[in-house]
Amino acid sequence: MPLLILLMGGGFYFMFYSGFLPFRYLRHAINVLRGKYDDPDDPGDINHFEALSAALAATVGMGNISGVAVAIAIGGPGVLFWMWVSAFVGMATKFFYLLAVGDVPWPRQCRPPGGRTDVRD
């Protein structure tokens, strides 16, 4: 129970701190995946969708897939609601995790207290 409170509470904190950033840019993310910004002359062998598919395959794994089936079998259909809630909260947690490790630049509204030089305008 304390771990659940820590994870969900931290996710909600990040969600409110960022001003619901993962939801505000959801349309842009979908457009990137649909190929709206693809340029055939860009370097590289794979497009955005293929890169996302590879990253998700490495992240999700078989444990999560079978875990969903077991959770629904044991807890019933009400488990789906809590899975969706934790997924939305997990988006904010994952976003700030990527900010912390330096995979994406810091958006202006989420600048850390000490400030960083790689802030996106």
PDB file of N, CA and C in Angstrom:
ATOM      1  N   MET A   1       0.808  -1.200   0.000  1.00  0.00           N
ATOM      2  CA  MET A   1       0.000   0.000   0.000  1.00  0.00           C
ATOM      3  C   MET A   1       0.858   1.274   0.000  1.00  0.00           C
ATOM      4  N   PRO A   2       1.934   1.364   0.792  1.00  0.00           N
ATOM      5  CA  PRO A   2       2.742   2.583   0.746  1.00  0.00           C
ATOM      6  C   PRO A   2       3.361   2.827  -0.639  1.00  0.00           C
ATOM      7  N   LEU A   3       3.732   1.748  -1.338  1.00  0.00           N
ATOM      8  CA  LEU A   3       4.304   1.910  -2.670  1.00  0.00           C
ATOM      9  C   LEU A   3       3.262   2.460  -3.639  1.00  0.00           C
ATOM     10  N   LEU A   4       2.035   1.982  -3.527  1.00  0.00           N
ATOM     11  CA  LEU A   4       0.958   2.475  -4.374  1.00  0.00           C
ATOM     12  C   LEU A   4       0.724   3.962  -4.135  1.00  0.00           C
ATOM     13  N   ILE A   5       0.701   4.363  -2.886  1.00  0.00           N
ATOM     14  CA  ILE A   5       0.508   5.770  -2.547  1.00  0.00           C
ATOM     15  C   ILE A   5       1.668   6.607  -3.073  1.00  0.00           C
ATOM     16  N   LEU A   6       2.876   6.098  -2.945  1.00  0.00           N
ATOM     17  CA  LEU A   6       4.049   6.823  -3.429  1.00  0.00           C
ATOM     18  C   LEU A   6       4.017   6.990  -4.948  1.00  0.00           C
ATOM     19  N   LEU A   7       3.732   5.918  -5.664  1.00  0.00           N
ATOM     20  CA  LEU A   7       3.723   5.986  -7.130  1.00  0.00           C
ATOM     21  C   LEU A   7       2.581   6.850  -7.659  1.00  0.00           C
ATOM     22  N   MET A   8       1.372   6.623  -7.157  1.00  0.00           N
ATOM     23  CA  MET A   8       0.226   7.401  -7.638  1.00  0.00           C
ATOM     24  C   MET A   8       0.325   8.859  -7.175  1.00  0.00           C
ATOM     25  N   GLY A   9       0.740   9.061  -5.933  1.00  0.00           N
ATOM     26  CA  GLY A   9       0.890  10.429  -5.440  1.00  0.00           C
ATOM     27  C   GLY A   9       1.954  11.192  -6.199  1.00  0.00           C
ATOM     28  N   GLY A  10       3.085  10.533  -6.462  1.00  0.00           N
ATOM     29  CA  GLY A  10       4.141  11.172  -7.242  1.00  0.00           C
ATOM     30  C   GLY A  10       3.685  11.481  -8.650  1.00  0.00           C
ATOM     31  N   GLY A  11       2.949  10.557  -9.259  1.00  0.00           N
ATOM     32  CA  GLY A  11       2.431  10.793 -10.606  1.00  0.00           C
ATOM     33  C   GLY A  11       1.456  11.955 -10.656  1.00  0.00           C
ATOM     34  N   PHE A  12       0.544  12.022  -9.673  1.00  0.00           N
ATOM     35  CA  PHE A  12      -0.391  13.144  -9.625  1.00  0.00           C
ATOM     36  C   PHE A  12       0.351  14.459  -9.375  1.00  0.00           C
ATOM     37  N   TYR A  13       1.362  14.437  -8.515  1.00  0.00           N
ATOM     38  CA  TYR A  13       2.157  15.647  -8.268  1.00  0.00           C
ATOM     39  C   TYR A  13       2.803  16.126  -9.562  1.00  0.00           C
ATOM     40  N   PHE A  14       3.443  15.218 -10.294  1.00  0.00           N
ATOM     41  CA  PHE A  14       4.084  15.598 -11.551  1.00  0.00           C
ATOM     42  C   PHE A  14       3.055  16.086 -12.571  1.00  0.00           C
ATOM     43  N   MET A  15       1.884  15.459 -12.580  1.00  0.00           N
ATOM     44  CA  MET A  15       0.849  15.860 -13.531  1.00  0.00           C
ATOM     45  C   MET A  15       0.399  17.296 -13.261  1.00  0.00           C
ATOM     46  N   PHE A  16       0.141  17.621 -12.005  1.00  0.00           N
ATOM     47  CA  PHE A  16      -0.286  18.978 -11.674  1.00  0.00           C
ATOM     48  C   PHE A  16       0.867  19.975 -11.813  1.00  0.00           C
ATOM     49  N   TYR A  17       2.082  19.585 -11.449  1.00  0.00           N
ATOM     50  CA  TYR A  17       3.250  20.459 -11.540  1.00  0.00           C
ATOM     51  C   TYR A  17       3.497  20.885 -12.978  1.00  0.00           C
ATOM     52  N   SER A  18       3.308  19.958 -13.908  1.00  0.00           N
ATOM     53  CA  SER A  18       3.571  20.268 -15.310  1.00  0.00           C
ATOM     54  C   SER A  18       2.378  20.913 -15.995  1.00  0.00           C
ATOM     55  N   GLY A  19       1.257  21.056 -15.303  1.00  0.00           N
ATOM     56  CA  GLY A  19       0.076  21.620 -15.936  1.00  0.00           C
ATOM     57  C   GLY A  19      -0.524  20.675 -16.967  1.00  0.00           C
ATOM     58  N   PHE A  20      -0.513  19.370 -16.654  1.00  0.00           N
ATOM     59  CA  PHE A  20      -1.054  18.332 -17.527  1.00  0.00           C
ATOM     60  C   PHE A  20      -0.366  18.315 -18.892  1.00  0.00           C
ATOM     61  N   LEU A  21       0.947  18.457 -18.870  1.00  0.00           N
ATOM     62  CA  LEU A  21       1.750  18.508 -20.093  1.00  0.00           C
ATOM     63  C   LEU A  21       1.567  17.299 -21.001  1.00  0.00           C
ATOM     64  N   PRO A  22       1.536  16.056 -20.483  1.00  0.00           N
ATOM     65  CA  PRO A  22       1.360  14.929 -21.403  1.00  0.00           C
ATOM     66  C   PRO A  22       0.035  14.971 -22.171  1.00  0.00           C
ATOM     67  N   PHE A  23      -0.994  15.575 -21.591  1.00  0.00           N
ATOM     68  CA  PHE A  23      -2.288  15.647 -22.271  1.00  0.00           C
ATOM     69  C   PHE A  23      -2.355  16.815 -23.245  1.00  0.00           C
ATOM     70  N   ARG A  24      -1.677  17.922 -22.917  1.00  0.00           N
ATOM     71  CA  ARG A  24      -1.710  19.079 -23.798  1.00  0.00           C
ATOM     72  C   ARG A  24      -1.017  18.810 -25.123  1.00  0.00           C
ATOM     73  N   TYR A  25      -0.006  17.941 -25.134  1.00  0.00           N
ATOM     74  CA  TYR A  25       0.726  17.648 -26.359  1.00  0.00           C
ATOM     75  C   TYR A  25       0.378  16.286 -26.944  1.00  0.00           C
ATOM     76  N   LEU A  26      -0.754  15.727 -26.552  1.00  0.00           N
ATOM     77  CA  LEU A  26      -1.154  14.420 -27.058  1.00  0.00           C
ATOM     78  C   LEU A  26      -1.453  14.472 -28.555  1.00  0.00           C
ATOM     79  N   ARG A  27      -2.107  15.534 -29.015  1.00  0.00           N
ATOM     80  CA  ARG A  27      -2.403  15.671 -30.450  1.00  0.00           C
ATOM     81  C   ARG A  27      -1.106  15.753 -31.263  1.00  0.00           C
ATOM     82  N   HIS A  28      -0.128  16.485 -30.771  1.00  0.00           N
ATOM     83  CA  HIS A  28       1.164  16.577 -31.463  1.00  0.00           C
ATOM     84  C   HIS A  28       1.839  15.202 -31.525  1.00  0.00           C
ATOM     85  N   ALA A  29       1.769  14.460 -30.435  1.00  0.00           N
ATOM     86  CA  ALA A  29       2.373  13.126 -30.412  1.00  0.00           C
ATOM     87  C   ALA A  29       1.710  12.207 -31.426  1.00  0.00           C
ATOM     88  N   ILE A  30       0.394  12.292 -31.539  1.00  0.00           N
ATOM     89  CA  ILE A  30      -0.317  11.465 -32.514  1.00  0.00           C
ATOM     90  C   ILE A  30       0.066  11.875 -33.932  1.00  0.00           C
ATOM     91  N   ASN A  31       0.208  13.176 -34.177  1.00  0.00           N
ATOM     92  CA  ASN A  31       0.627  13.632 -35.502  1.00  0.00           C
ATOM     93  C   ASN A  31       2.035  13.163 -35.849  1.00  0.00           C
ATOM     94  N   VAL A  32       2.911  13.130 -34.873  1.00  0.00           N
ATOM     95  CA  VAL A  32       4.267  12.615 -35.118  1.00  0.00           C
ATOM     96  C   VAL A  32       4.203  11.144 -35.502  1.00  0.00           C
ATOM     97  N   LEU A  33       3.396  10.376 -34.783  1.00  0.00           N
ATOM     98  CA  LEU A  33       3.272   8.951 -35.081  1.00  0.00           C
ATOM     99  C   LEU A  33       2.604   8.698 -36.429  1.00  0.00           C
ATOM    100  N   ARG A  34       1.670   9.533 -36.814  1.00  0.00           N
ATOM    101  CA  ARG A  34       1.002   9.369 -38.102  1.00  0.00           C
ATOM    102  C   ARG A  34       1.909   9.720 -39.270  1.00  0.00           C
ATOM    103  N   GLY A  35       3.046  10.346 -39.004  1.00  0.00           N
ATOM    104  CA  GLY A  35       3.993  10.658 -40.059  1.00  0.00           C
ATOM    105  C   GLY A  35       3.858  12.047 -40.634  1.00  0.00           C
ATOM    106  N   LYS A  36       3.162  12.943 -39.941  1.00  0.00           N
ATOM    107  CA  LYS A  36       2.971  14.294 -40.452  1.00  0.00           C
ATOM    108  C   LYS A  36       4.296  15.044 -40.579  1.00  0.00           C
ATOM    109  N   TYR A  37       5.257  14.744 -39.723  1.00  0.00           N
ATOM    110  CA  TYR A  37       6.526  15.450 -39.718  1.00  0.00           C
ATOM    111  C   TYR A  37       7.658  14.620 -40.315  1.00  0.00           C
ATOM    112  N   ASP A  38       7.341  13.489 -40.934  1.00  0.00           N
ATOM    113  CA  ASP A  38       8.379  12.645 -41.537  1.00  0.00           C
ATOM    114  C   ASP A  38       8.940  13.312 -42.789  1.00  0.00           C
ATOM    115  N   ASP A  39      10.235  13.232 -42.937  1.00  0.00           N
ATOM    116  CA  ASP A  39      10.925  13.737 -44.120  1.00  0.00           C
ATOM    117  C   ASP A  39      11.760  12.596 -44.677  1.00  0.00           C
ATOM    118  N   PRO A  40      11.516  12.196 -45.909  1.00  0.00           N
ATOM    119  CA  PRO A  40      12.270  11.070 -46.470  1.00  0.00           C
ATOM    120  C   PRO A  40      13.778  11.328 -46.560  1.00  0.00           C
ATOM    121  N   ASP A  41      14.173  12.594 -46.532  1.00  0.00           N
ATOM    122  CA  ASP A  41      15.600  12.921 -46.640  1.00  0.00           C
ATOM    123  C   ASP A  41      16.315  12.926 -45.292  1.00  0.00           C
ATOM    124  N   ASP A  42      15.577  12.732 -44.199  1.00  0.00           N
ATOM    125  CA  ASP A  42      16.205  12.697 -42.877  1.00  0.00           C
ATOM    126  C   ASP A  42      17.108  11.476 -42.767  1.00  0.00           C
ATOM    127  N   PRO A  43      18.210  11.607 -42.006  1.00  0.00           N
ATOM    128  CA  PRO A  43      19.083  10.440 -41.821  1.00  0.00           C
ATOM    129  C   PRO A  43      18.405   9.395 -40.939  1.00  0.00           C
ATOM    130  N   GLY A  44      18.800   8.156 -41.099  1.00  0.00           N
ATOM    131  CA  GLY A  44      18.243   7.076 -40.289  1.00  0.00           C
ATOM    132  C   GLY A  44      17.448   6.107 -41.139  1.00  0.00           C
ATOM    133  N   ASP A  45      17.242   4.922 -40.573  1.00  0.00           N
ATOM    134  CA  ASP A  45      16.583   3.857 -41.327  1.00  0.00           C
ATOM    135  C   ASP A  45      15.138   3.619 -40.922  1.00  0.00           C
ATOM    136  N   ILE A  46      14.698   4.137 -39.767  1.00  0.00           N
ATOM    137  CA  ILE A  46      13.337   3.871 -39.315  1.00  0.00           C
ATOM    138  C   ILE A  46      12.605   5.182 -39.070  1.00  0.00           C
ATOM    139  N   ASN A  47      11.282   5.122 -39.151  1.00  0.00           N
ATOM    140  CA  ASN A  47      10.485   6.327 -38.908  1.00  0.00           C
ATOM    141  C   ASN A  47      10.091   6.403 -37.431  1.00  0.00           C
ATOM    142  N   HIS A  48       9.300   7.428 -37.087  1.00  0.00           N
ATOM    143  CA  HIS A  48       8.915   7.637 -35.685  1.00  0.00           C
ATOM    144  C   HIS A  48       8.096   6.484 -35.136  1.00  0.00           C
ATOM    145  N   PHE A  49       7.173   5.969 -35.937  1.00  0.00           N
ATOM    146  CA  PHE A  49       6.311   4.887 -35.464  1.00  0.00           C
ATOM    147  C   PHE A  49       7.109   3.621 -35.190  1.00  0.00           C
ATOM    148  N   GLU A  50       8.052   3.296 -36.056  1.00  0.00           N
ATOM    149  CA  GLU A  50       8.877   2.105 -35.844  1.00  0.00           C
ATOM    150  C   GLU A  50       9.752   2.254 -34.600  1.00  0.00           C
ATOM    151  N   ALA A  51      10.264   3.460 -34.361  1.00  0.00           N
ATOM    152  CA  ALA A  51      11.070   3.703 -33.161  1.00  0.00           C
ATOM    153  C   ALA A  51      10.229   3.551 -31.895  1.00  0.00           C
ATOM    154  N   LEU A  52       9.003   4.085 -31.929  1.00  0.00           N
ATOM    155  CA  LEU A  52       8.117   3.942 -30.771  1.00  0.00           C
ATOM    156  C   LEU A  52       7.759   2.483 -30.535  1.00  0.00           C
ATOM    157  N   SER A  53       7.485   1.747 -31.602  1.00  0.00           N
ATOM    158  CA  SER A  53       7.137   0.330 -31.464  1.00  0.00           C
ATOM    159  C   SER A  53       8.273  -0.461 -30.837  1.00  0.00           C
ATOM    160  N   ALA A  54       9.498  -0.177 -31.249  1.00  0.00           N
ATOM    161  CA  ALA A  54      10.647  -0.876 -30.669  1.00  0.00           C
ATOM    162  C   ALA A  54      10.832  -0.511 -29.200  1.00  0.00           C
ATOM    163  N   ALA A  55      10.654   0.769 -28.870  1.00  0.00           N
ATOM    164  CA  ALA A  55      10.810   1.201 -27.480  1.00  0.00           C
ATOM    165  C   ALA A  55       9.723   0.601 -26.593  1.00  0.00           C
ATOM    166  N   LEU A  56       8.491   0.557 -27.084  1.00  0.00           N
ATOM    167  CA  LEU A  56       7.410  -0.034 -26.302  1.00  0.00           C
ATOM    168  C   LEU A  56       7.600  -1.537 -26.117  1.00  0.00           C
ATOM    169  N   ALA A  57       8.078  -2.200 -27.151  1.00  0.00           N
ATOM    170  CA  ALA A  57       8.317  -3.634 -27.030  1.00  0.00           C
ATOM    171  C   ALA A  57       9.369  -3.920 -25.970  1.00  0.00           C
ATOM    172  N   ALA A  58      10.380  -3.077 -25.885  1.00  0.00           N
ATOM    173  CA  ALA A  58      11.420  -3.266 -24.878  1.00  0.00           C
ATOM    174  C   ALA A  58      10.918  -2.905 -23.487  1.00  0.00           C
ATOM    175  N   THR A  59       9.987  -1.951 -23.390  1.00  0.00           N
ATOM    176  CA  THR A  59       9.496  -1.492 -22.097  1.00  0.00           C
ATOM    177  C   THR A  59       8.420  -2.406 -21.528  1.00  0.00           C
ATOM    178  N   VAL A  60       7.462  -2.795 -22.345  1.00  0.00           N
ATOM    179  CA  VAL A  60       6.297  -3.517 -21.860  1.00  0.00           C
ATOM    180  C   VAL A  60       6.647  -4.943 -21.469  1.00  0.00           C
ATOM    181  N   GLY A  61       7.082  -5.742 -22.403  1.00  0.00           N
ATOM    182  CA  GLY A  61       7.470  -7.116 -22.099  1.00  0.00           C
ATOM    183  C   GLY A  61       6.288  -8.025 -21.840  1.00  0.00           C
ATOM    184  N   MET A  62       6.567  -9.310 -21.711  1.00  0.00           N
ATOM    185  CA  MET A  62       5.515 -10.313 -21.508  1.00  0.00           C
ATOM    186  C   MET A  62       4.902 -10.253 -20.110  1.00  0.00           C
ATOM    187  N   GLY A  63       5.658  -9.820 -19.117  1.00  0.00           N
ATOM    188  CA  GLY A  63       5.131  -9.757 -17.757  1.00  0.00           C
ATOM    189  C   GLY A  63       3.946  -8.820 -17.649  1.00  0.00           C
ATOM    190  N   ASN A  64       4.008  -7.685 -18.306  1.00  0.00           N
ATOM    191  CA  ASN A  64       2.892  -6.747 -18.253  1.00  0.00           C
ATOM    192  C   ASN A  64       1.690  -7.254 -19.025  1.00  0.00           C
ATOM    193  N   ILE A  65       1.927  -7.921 -20.129  1.00  0.00           N
ATOM    194  CA  ILE A  65       0.811  -8.436 -20.920  1.00  0.00           C
ATOM    195  C   ILE A  65       0.070  -9.530 -20.145  1.00  0.00           C
ATOM    196  N   SER A  66       0.803 -10.466 -19.591  1.00  0.00           N
ATOM    197  CA  SER A  66       0.143 -11.523 -18.822  1.00  0.00           C
ATOM    198  C   SER A  66      -0.398 -10.982 -17.503  1.00  0.00           C
ATOM    199  N   GLY A  67       0.223  -9.947 -16.946  1.00  0.00           N
ATOM    200  CA  GLY A  67      -0.266  -9.353 -15.704  1.00  0.00           C
ATOM    201  C   GLY A  67      -1.640  -8.742 -15.864  1.00  0.00           C
ATOM    202  N   VAL A  68      -1.915  -8.154 -17.020  1.00  0.00           N
ATOM    203  CA  VAL A  68      -3.242  -7.585 -17.278  1.00  0.00           C
ATOM    204  C   VAL A  68      -4.291  -8.691 -17.303  1.00  0.00           C
ATOM    205  N   ALA A  69      -3.989  -9.782 -17.977  1.00  0.00           N
ATOM    206  CA  ALA A  69      -4.942 -10.894 -18.051  1.00  0.00           C
ATOM    207  C   ALA A  69      -5.214 -11.475 -16.670  1.00  0.00           C
ATOM    208  N   VAL A  70      -4.180 -11.651 -15.872  1.00  0.00           N
ATOM    209  CA  VAL A  70      -4.361 -12.191 -14.523  1.00  0.00           C
ATOM    210  C   VAL A  70      -5.149 -11.214 -13.654  1.00  0.00           C
ATOM    211  N   ALA A  71      -4.860  -9.905 -13.770  1.00  0.00           N
ATOM    212  CA  ALA A  71      -5.571  -8.906 -12.965  1.00  0.00           C
ATOM    213  C   ALA A  71      -7.057  -8.890 -13.299  1.00  0.00           C
ATOM    214  N   ILE A  72      -7.391  -8.972 -14.582  1.00  0.00           N
ATOM    215  CA  ILE A  72      -8.804  -8.983 -14.971  1.00  0.00           C
ATOM    216  C   ILE A  72      -9.479 -10.267 -14.505  1.00  0.00           C
ATOM    217  N   ALA A  73      -8.775 -11.383 -14.586  1.00  0.00           N
ATOM    218  CA  ALA A  73      -9.354 -12.657 -14.146  1.00  0.00           C
ATOM    219  C   ALA A  73      -9.605 -12.667 -12.644  1.00  0.00           C
ATOM    220  N   ILE A  74      -8.708 -12.077 -11.868  1.00  0.00           N
ATOM    221  CA  ILE A  74      -8.857 -12.089 -10.412  1.00  0.00           C
ATOM    222  C   ILE A  74      -9.754 -10.951  -9.929  1.00  0.00           C
ATOM    223  N   GLY A  75      -9.558  -9.741 -10.468  1.00  0.00           N
ATOM    224  CA  GLY A  75     -10.262  -8.576  -9.943  1.00  0.00           C
ATOM    225  C   GLY A  75     -11.528  -8.198 -10.663  1.00  0.00           C
ATOM    226  N   GLY A  76     -11.775  -8.753 -11.823  1.00  0.00           N
ATOM    227  CA  GLY A  76     -12.977  -8.413 -12.564  1.00  0.00           C
ATOM    228  C   GLY A  76     -12.780  -7.204 -13.456  1.00  0.00           C
ATOM    229  N   PRO A  77     -13.840  -6.769 -14.121  1.00  0.00           N
ATOM    230  CA  PRO A  77     -13.722  -5.677 -15.079  1.00  0.00           C
ATOM    231  C   PRO A  77     -13.425  -4.318 -14.444  1.00  0.00           C
ATOM    232  N   GLY A  78     -13.687  -4.143 -13.162  1.00  0.00           N
ATOM    233  CA  GLY A  78     -13.383  -2.880 -12.495  1.00  0.00           C
ATOM    234  C   GLY A  78     -11.896  -2.571 -12.448  1.00  0.00           C
ATOM    235  N   VAL A  79     -11.086  -3.591 -12.642  1.00  0.00           N
ATOM    236  CA  VAL A  79      -9.634  -3.409 -12.639  1.00  0.00           C
ATOM    237  C   VAL A  79      -9.199  -2.534 -13.812  1.00  0.00           C
ATOM    238  N   LEU A  80      -9.944  -2.603 -14.924  1.00  0.00           N
ATOM    239  CA  LEU A  80      -9.581  -1.812 -16.101  1.00  0.00           C
ATOM    240  C   LEU A  80      -9.572  -0.320 -15.798  1.00  0.00           C
ATOM    241  N   PHE A  81     -10.536   0.148 -15.006  1.00  0.00           N
ATOM    242  CA  PHE A  81     -10.571   1.565 -14.654  1.00  0.00           C
ATOM    243  C   PHE A  81      -9.292   1.981 -13.954  1.00  0.00           C
ATOM    244  N   TRP A  82      -8.857   1.197 -12.984  1.00  0.00           N
ATOM    245  CA  TRP A  82      -7.660   1.556 -12.230  1.00  0.00           C
ATOM    246  C   TRP A  82      -6.400   1.406 -13.073  1.00  0.00           C
ATOM    247  N   MET A  83      -6.428   0.502 -14.034  1.00  0.00           N
ATOM    248  CA  MET A  83      -5.294   0.399 -14.958  1.00  0.00           C
ATOM    249  C   MET A  83      -5.195   1.655 -15.822  1.00  0.00           C
ATOM    250  N   TRP A  84      -6.327   2.153 -16.273  1.00  0.00           N
ATOM    251  CA  TRP A  84      -6.313   3.371 -17.072  1.00  0.00           C
ATOM    252  C   TRP A  84      -5.849   4.566 -16.246  1.00  0.00           C
ATOM    253  N   VAL A  85      -6.334   4.681 -15.009  1.00  0.00           N
ATOM    254  CA  VAL A  85      -5.904   5.782 -14.136  1.00  0.00           C
ATOM    255  C   VAL A  85      -4.394   5.716 -13.918  1.00  0.00           C
ATOM    256  N   SER A  86      -3.889   4.529 -13.609  1.00  0.00           N
ATOM    257  CA  SER A  86      -2.447   4.413 -13.379  1.00  0.00           C
ATOM    258  C   SER A  86      -1.662   4.644 -14.660  1.00  0.00           C
ATOM    259  N   ALA A  87      -2.227   4.333 -15.825  1.00  0.00           N
ATOM    260  CA  ALA A  87      -1.537   4.597 -17.086  1.00  0.00           C
ATOM    261  C   ALA A  87      -1.427   6.097 -17.344  1.00  0.00           C
ATOM    262  N   PHE A  88      -2.499   6.842 -17.089  1.00  0.00           N
ATOM    263  CA  PHE A  88      -2.445   8.289 -17.299  1.00  0.00           C
ATOM    264  C   PHE A  88      -1.479   8.957 -16.327  1.00  0.00           C
ATOM    265  N   VAL A  89      -1.491   8.503 -15.086  1.00  0.00           N
ATOM    266  CA  VAL A  89      -0.554   9.046 -14.099  1.00  0.00           C
ATOM    267  C   VAL A  89       0.872   8.622 -14.463  1.00  0.00           C
ATOM    268  N   GLY A  90       1.013   7.405 -14.981  1.00  0.00           N
ATOM    269  CA  GLY A  90       2.326   6.912 -15.382  1.00  0.00           C
ATOM    270  C   GLY A  90       2.932   7.698 -16.527  1.00  0.00           C
ATOM    271  N   MET A  91       2.088   8.311 -17.380  1.00  0.00           N
ATOM    272  CA  MET A  91       2.623   9.145 -18.460  1.00  0.00           C
ATOM    273  C   MET A  91       3.409  10.316 -17.891  1.00  0.00           C
ATOM    274  N   ALA A  92       2.869  10.952 -16.878  1.00  0.00           N
ATOM    275  CA  ALA A  92       3.573  12.083 -16.270  1.00  0.00           C
ATOM    276  C   ALA A  92       4.845  11.615 -15.579  1.00  0.00           C
ATOM    277  N   THR A  93       4.781  10.474 -14.904  1.00  0.00           N
ATOM    278  CA  THR A  93       5.962   9.942 -14.228  1.00  0.00           C
ATOM    279  C   THR A  93       7.053   9.610 -15.239  1.00  0.00           C
ATOM    280  N   LYS A  94       6.695   8.976 -16.338  1.00  0.00           N
ATOM    281  CA  LYS A  94       7.662   8.618 -17.371  1.00  0.00           C
ATOM    282  C   LYS A  94       8.256   9.867 -18.019  1.00  0.00           C
ATOM    283  N   PHE A  95       7.427  10.878 -18.252  1.00  0.00           N
ATOM    284  CA  PHE A  95       7.903  12.120 -18.850  1.00  0.00           C
ATOM    285  C   PHE A  95       8.966  12.773 -17.969  1.00  0.00           C
ATOM    286  N   PHE A  96       8.699  12.861 -16.670  1.00  0.00           N
ATOM    287  CA  PHE A  96       9.673  13.494 -15.784  1.00  0.00           C
ATOM    288  C   PHE A  96      10.893  12.615 -15.550  1.00  0.00           C
ATOM    289  N   TYR A  97      10.720  11.316 -15.653  1.00  0.00           N
ATOM    290  CA  TYR A  97      11.882  10.421 -15.594  1.00  0.00           C
ATOM    291  C   TYR A  97      12.802  10.696 -16.772  1.00  0.00           C
ATOM    292  N   LEU A  98      12.234  10.855 -17.961  1.00  0.00           N
ATOM    293  CA  LEU A  98      13.049  11.144 -19.141  1.00  0.00           C
ATOM    294  C   LEU A  98      13.692  12.521 -19.042  1.00  0.00           C
ATOM    295  N   LEU A  99      13.006  13.478 -18.420  1.00  0.00           N
ATOM    296  CA  LEU A  99      13.629  14.783 -18.194  1.00  0.00           C
ATOM    297  C   LEU A  99      14.822  14.653 -17.258  1.00  0.00           C
ATOM    298  N   ALA A 100      14.660  13.838 -16.223  1.00  0.00           N
ATOM    299  CA  ALA A 100      15.724  13.705 -15.222  1.00  0.00           C
ATOM    300  C   ALA A 100      16.975  13.055 -15.806  1.00  0.00           C
ATOM    301  N   VAL A 101      16.803  12.085 -16.702  1.00  0.00           N
ATOM    302  CA  VAL A 101      17.976  11.412 -17.261  1.00  0.00           C
ATOM    303  C   VAL A 101      18.519  12.137 -18.478  1.00  0.00           C
ATOM    304  N   GLY A 102      17.812  13.180 -18.948  1.00  0.00           N
ATOM    305  CA  GLY A 102      18.343  14.003 -20.019  1.00  0.00           C
ATOM    306  C   GLY A 102      17.992  13.553 -21.420  1.00  0.00           C
ATOM    307  N   ASP A 103      16.975  12.705 -21.592  1.00  0.00           N
ATOM    308  CA  ASP A 103      16.588  12.269 -22.931  1.00  0.00           C
ATOM    309  C   ASP A 103      15.819  13.333 -23.695  1.00  0.00           C
ATOM    310  N   VAL A 104      15.112  14.204 -22.996  1.00  0.00           N
ATOM    311  CA  VAL A 104      14.366  15.275 -23.650  1.00  0.00           C
ATOM    312  C   VAL A 104      14.736  16.593 -22.978  1.00  0.00           C
ATOM    313  N   PRO A 105      14.706  17.715 -23.723  1.00  0.00           N
ATOM    314  CA  PRO A 105      15.022  19.005 -23.102  1.00  0.00           C
ATOM    315  C   PRO A 105      13.893  19.467 -22.184  1.00  0.00           C
ATOM    316  N   TRP A 106      14.230  20.309 -21.219  1.00  0.00           N
ATOM    317  CA  TRP A 106      13.248  20.802 -20.247  1.00  0.00           C
ATOM    318  C   TRP A 106      12.349  21.839 -20.895  1.00  0.00           C
ATOM    319  N   PRO A 107      11.020  21.655 -20.863  1.00  0.00           N
ATOM    320  CA  PRO A 107      10.113  22.707 -21.329  1.00  0.00           C
ATOM    321  C   PRO A 107      10.177  23.893 -20.364  1.00  0.00           C
ATOM    322  N   ARG A 108       9.871  25.056 -20.854  1.00  0.00           N
ATOM    323  CA  ARG A 108       9.987  26.271 -20.046  1.00  0.00           C
ATOM    324  C   ARG A 108       9.127  26.209 -18.788  1.00  0.00           C
ATOM    325  N   GLN A 109       7.902  25.670 -18.861  1.00  0.00           N
ATOM    326  CA  GLN A 109       7.023  25.673 -17.696  1.00  0.00           C
ATOM    327  C   GLN A 109       7.411  24.633 -16.657  1.00  0.00           C
ATOM    328  N   CYS A 110       8.366  23.743 -16.961  1.00  0.00           N
ATOM    329  CA  CYS A 110       8.777  22.700 -16.017  1.00  0.00           C
ATOM    330  C   CYS A 110      10.228  22.870 -15.597  1.00  0.00           C
ATOM    331  N   ARG A 111      10.751  24.063 -15.700  1.00  0.00           N
ATOM    332  CA  ARG A 111      12.147  24.312 -15.385  1.00  0.00           C
ATOM    333  C   ARG A 111      12.428  24.003 -13.918  1.00  0.00           C
ATOM    334  N   PRO A 112      13.507  23.293 -13.622  1.00  0.00           N
ATOM    335  CA  PRO A 112      13.827  22.980 -12.225  1.00  0.00           C
ATOM    336  C   PRO A 112      14.263  24.231 -11.464  1.00  0.00           C
ATOM    337  N   PRO A 113      14.207  24.187 -10.131  1.00  0.00           N
ATOM    338  CA  PRO A 113      14.511  25.380  -9.328  1.00  0.00           C
ATOM    339  C   PRO A 113      15.894  25.972  -9.610  1.00  0.00           C
ATOM    340  N   GLY A 114      16.916  25.152  -9.808  1.00  0.00           N
ATOM    341  CA  GLY A 114      18.252  25.678 -10.058  1.00  0.00           C
ATOM    342  C   GLY A 114      18.448  26.195 -11.460  1.00  0.00           C
ATOM    343  N   GLY A 115      17.548  25.858 -12.354  1.00  0.00           N
ATOM    344  CA  GLY A 115      17.657  26.265 -13.756  1.00  0.00           C
ATOM    345  C   GLY A 115      18.654  25.395 -14.484  1.00  0.00           C
ATOM    346  N   ARG A 116      18.442  25.211 -15.777  1.00  0.00           N
ATOM    347  CA  ARG A 116      19.367  24.466 -16.619  1.00  0.00           C
ATOM    348  C   ARG A 116      19.567  25.207 -17.907  1.00  0.00           C
ATOM    349  N   THR A 117      20.654  24.946 -18.556  1.00  0.00           N
ATOM    350  CA  THR A 117      20.966  25.665 -19.785  1.00  0.00           C
ATOM    351  C   THR A 117      20.316  25.055 -21.017  1.00  0.00           C
ATOM    352  N   ASP A 118      19.819  23.832 -20.943  1.00  0.00           N
ATOM    353  CA  ASP A 118      19.230  23.200 -22.122  1.00  0.00           C
ATOM    354  C   ASP A 118      17.699  23.302 -22.114  1.00  0.00           C
ATOM    355  N   VAL A 119      17.180  24.482 -21.784  1.00  0.00           N
ATOM    356  CA  VAL A 119      15.729  24.698 -21.727  1.00  0.00           C
ATOM    357  C   VAL A 119      15.230  25.021 -23.118  1.00  0.00           C
ATOM    358  N   ARG A 120      14.150  24.356 -23.497  1.00  0.00           N
ATOM    359  CA  ARG A 120      13.539  24.588 -24.811  1.00  0.00           C
ATOM    360  C   ARG A 120      12.639  25.813 -24.727  1.00  0.00           C
ATOM    361  N   ASP A 121      12.653  26.656 -25.742  1.00  0.00           N
ATOM    362  CA  ASP A 121      11.775  27.851 -25.774  1.00  0.00           C
ATOM    363  C   ASP A 121      10.420  27.520 -26.294  1.00  0.00           C
TER     364      ASP A 121
END
